[in-house]
Amino acid sequence: MFDFKPTEDIISMSEFRTTLASCAARTRGTNRPLFLTQNGHAAYVFMDVAAFEEMRDRLETLEDILVAEGEADRGETISHDDFMKEVRVNRKKRTRRRQKVAV
């Protein structure tokens, strides 16, 4: 995802305010977030939007995996053949909807 370098990636809010443009360029260039402190305590995270979206997508994938593992643990599974039947049925439904929209 991204590396974290405490010696480079933690700055105070006052420093951030005075160097905003260079902070933005740094997060874009390094793909690492900046951790902002206020009164000596961690307060905010400043990061590039692309890095945030990548992190969000990875978290969503991990959440999906956890849900799937729970379902598998509870025996809530289907066979490969049944899954493929569902895929084919859903594909046909989508194709029909697209054809109706195209008309």
C-alpha atoms as a PDB file:
ATOM      1  CA  MET A   1       0.000   0.000   0.000  1.00  0.00           C
ATOM      2  CA  PHE A   2       2.417   2.682   1.187  1.00  0.00           C
ATOM      3  CA  ASP A   3       5.512   2.904   3.294  1.00  0.00           C
ATOM      4  CA  PHE A   4       5.642   5.052   6.373  1.00  0.00           C
ATOM      5  CA  LYS A   5       8.738   6.970   7.366  1.00  0.00           C
ATOM      6  CA  PRO A   6       8.177   8.628  10.778  1.00  0.00           C
ATOM      7  CA  THR A   7      11.166  10.918  10.348  1.00  0.00           C
ATOM      8  CA  GLU A   8       9.715  12.323   7.122  1.00  0.00           C
ATOM      9  CA  ASP A   9       5.961  11.805   7.321  1.00  0.00           C
ATOM     10  CA  ILE A  10       4.986  13.458  10.620  1.00  0.00           C
ATOM     11  CA  ILE A  11       4.699  17.239  10.672  1.00  0.00           C
ATOM     12  CA  SER A  12       2.951  19.824  12.784  1.00  0.00           C
ATOM     13  CA  MET A  13      -0.171  21.625  11.621  1.00  0.00           C
ATOM     14  CA  SER A  14       1.684  24.942  11.644  1.00  0.00           C
ATOM     15  CA  GLU A  15       4.413  23.538   9.366  1.00  0.00           C
ATOM     16  CA  PHE A  16       1.740  22.017   7.147  1.00  0.00           C
ATOM     17  CA  ARG A  17      -0.053  25.367   6.790  1.00  0.00           C
ATOM     18  CA  THR A  18       3.130  27.137   5.701  1.00  0.00           C
ATOM     19  CA  THR A  19       4.270  24.403   3.282  1.00  0.00           C
ATOM     20  CA  LEU A  20       0.961  23.143   1.876  1.00  0.00           C
ATOM     21  CA  ALA A  21       2.045  23.145  -1.781  1.00  0.00           C
ATOM     22  CA  SER A  22       5.223  21.188  -1.091  1.00  0.00           C
ATOM     23  CA  CYS A  23       3.311  18.796   1.192  1.00  0.00           C
ATOM     24  CA  ALA A  24       0.846  18.086  -1.617  1.00  0.00           C
ATOM     25  CA  ALA A  25       3.681  17.490  -4.081  1.00  0.00           C
ATOM     26  CA  ARG A  26       5.440  15.223  -1.593  1.00  0.00           C
ATOM     27  CA  THR A  27       2.376  13.023  -0.979  1.00  0.00           C
ATOM     28  CA  ARG A  28       1.844  12.734  -4.728  1.00  0.00           C
ATOM     29  CA  GLY A  29       5.496  11.987  -5.391  1.00  0.00           C
ATOM     30  CA  THR A  30       6.034   9.448  -2.613  1.00  0.00           C
ATOM     31  CA  ASN A  31       2.515   7.964  -2.490  1.00  0.00           C
ATOM     32  CA  ARG A  32       2.816   8.188   1.318  1.00  0.00           C
ATOM     33  CA  PRO A  33       0.441  10.067   3.611  1.00  0.00           C
ATOM     34  CA  LEU A  34       1.486  12.850   5.954  1.00  0.00           C
ATOM     35  CA  PHE A  35       0.502  12.579   9.582  1.00  0.00           C
ATOM     36  CA  LEU A  36      -0.295  15.965  11.054  1.00  0.00           C
ATOM     37  CA  THR A  37       0.085  16.778  14.721  1.00  0.00           C
ATOM     38  CA  GLN A  38      -1.713  19.406  16.730  1.00  0.00           C
ATOM     39  CA  ASN A  39      -0.382  20.366  20.140  1.00  0.00           C
ATOM     40  CA  GLY A  40       2.052  17.463  19.886  1.00  0.00           C
ATOM     41  CA  HIS A  41      -0.617  14.801  19.288  1.00  0.00           C
ATOM     42  CA  ALA A  42      -1.657  12.978  16.133  1.00  0.00           C
ATOM     43  CA  ALA A  43      -4.630  14.816  14.667  1.00  0.00           C
ATOM     44  CA  TYR A  44      -5.034  14.325  10.901  1.00  0.00           C
ATOM     45  CA  VAL A  45      -3.848  12.363   7.883  1.00  0.00           C
ATOM     46  CA  PHE A  46      -3.189  14.125   4.573  1.00  0.00           C
ATOM     47  CA  MET A  47      -2.912  11.913   1.518  1.00  0.00           C
ATOM     48  CA  ASP A  48      -3.191  11.822  -2.247  1.00  0.00           C
ATOM     49  CA  VAL A  49      -6.674  10.937  -3.529  1.00  0.00           C
ATOM     50  CA  ALA A  50      -5.366   8.079  -5.709  1.00  0.00           C
ATOM     51  CA  ALA A  51      -3.589   6.558  -2.690  1.00  0.00           C
ATOM     52  CA  PHE A  52      -6.761   6.941  -0.623  1.00  0.00           C
ATOM     53  CA  GLU A  53      -8.878   5.250  -3.294  1.00  0.00           C
ATOM     54  CA  GLU A  54      -6.396   2.381  -3.547  1.00  0.00           C
ATOM     55  CA  MET A  55      -6.447   1.948   0.226  1.00  0.00           C
ATOM     56  CA  ARG A  56     -10.262   2.045   0.274  1.00  0.00           C
ATOM     57  CA  ASP A  57     -10.470  -0.548  -2.515  1.00  0.00           C
ATOM     58  CA  ARG A  58      -8.070  -2.857  -0.683  1.00  0.00           C
ATOM     59  CA  LEU A  59     -10.059  -2.530   2.534  1.00  0.00           C
ATOM     60  CA  GLU A  60     -13.297  -3.319   0.713  1.00  0.00           C
ATOM     61  CA  THR A  61     -11.670  -6.422  -0.774  1.00  0.00           C
ATOM     62  CA  LEU A  62     -10.444  -7.529   2.654  1.00  0.00           C
ATOM     63  CA  GLU A  63     -13.931  -7.008   4.100  1.00  0.00           C
ATOM     64  CA  ASP A  64     -15.401  -9.129   1.288  1.00  0.00           C
ATOM     65  CA  ILE A  65     -12.864 -11.860   2.048  1.00  0.00           C
ATOM     66  CA  LEU A  66     -13.791 -11.803   5.746  1.00  0.00           C
ATOM     67  CA  VAL A  67     -17.487 -12.093   4.910  1.00  0.00           C
ATOM     68  CA  ALA A  68     -16.775 -14.983   2.524  1.00  0.00           C
ATOM     69  CA  GLU A  69     -14.650 -16.771   5.124  1.00  0.00           C
ATOM     70  CA  GLY A  70     -17.464 -16.433   7.664  1.00  0.00           C
ATOM     71  CA  GLU A  71     -19.960 -17.823   5.181  1.00  0.00           C
ATOM     72  CA  ALA A  72     -17.644 -20.735   4.416  1.00  0.00           C
ATOM     73  CA  ASP A  73     -17.153 -21.429   8.134  1.00  0.00           C
ATOM     74  CA  ARG A  74     -20.933 -21.594   8.546  1.00  0.00           C
ATOM     75  CA  GLY A  75     -21.257 -23.936   5.573  1.00  0.00           C
ATOM     76  CA  GLU A  76     -23.003 -21.316   3.450  1.00  0.00           C
ATOM     77  CA  THR A  77     -21.375 -22.414   0.202  1.00  0.00           C
ATOM     78  CA  ILE A  78     -22.519 -23.650  -3.196  1.00  0.00           C
ATOM     79  CA  SER A  79     -20.882 -26.027  -5.631  1.00  0.00           C
ATOM     80  CA  HIS A  80     -18.923 -24.764  -8.606  1.00  0.00           C
ATOM     81  CA  ASP A  81     -21.561 -26.107 -10.990  1.00  0.00           C
ATOM     82  CA  ASP A  82     -24.364 -24.269  -9.161  1.00  0.00           C
ATOM     83  CA  PHE A  83     -22.299 -21.081  -9.131  1.00  0.00           C
ATOM     84  CA  MET A  84     -21.676 -21.291 -12.868  1.00  0.00           C
ATOM     85  CA  LYS A  85     -25.419 -21.817 -13.463  1.00  0.00           C
ATOM     86  CA  GLU A  86     -26.127 -18.616 -11.506  1.00  0.00           C
ATOM     87  CA  VAL A  87     -23.497 -16.739 -13.510  1.00  0.00           C
ATOM     88  CA  ARG A  88     -25.045 -17.868 -16.793  1.00  0.00           C
ATOM     89  CA  VAL A  89     -28.570 -16.919 -15.668  1.00  0.00           C
ATOM     90  CA  ASN A  90     -27.412 -13.485 -14.503  1.00  0.00           C
ATOM     91  CA  ARG A  91     -25.472 -12.920 -17.726  1.00  0.00           C
ATOM     92  CA  LYS A  92     -28.602 -13.685 -19.768  1.00  0.00           C
ATOM     93  CA  LYS A  93     -30.648 -11.277 -17.637  1.00  0.00           C
ATOM     94  CA  ARG A  94     -28.085  -8.498 -18.109  1.00  0.00           C
ATOM     95  CA  THR A  95     -27.972  -9.127 -21.847  1.00  0.00           C
ATOM     96  CA  ARG A  96     -31.769  -8.887 -22.086  1.00  0.00           C
ATOM     97  CA  ARG A  97     -31.798  -5.628 -20.074  1.00  0.00           C
ATOM     98  CA  ARG A  98     -29.131  -4.115 -22.318  1.00  0.00           C
ATOM     99  CA  GLN A  99     -31.084  -5.103 -25.409  1.00  0.00           C
ATOM    100  CA  LYS A 100     -34.226  -3.433 -24.021  1.00  0.00           C
ATOM    101  CA  VAL A 101     -32.309  -0.249 -23.222  1.00  0.00           C
ATOM    102  CA  ALA A 102     -30.709  -0.185 -26.666  1.00  0.00           C
ATOM    103  CA  VAL A 103     -34.121  -0.296 -28.373  1.00  0.00           C
END
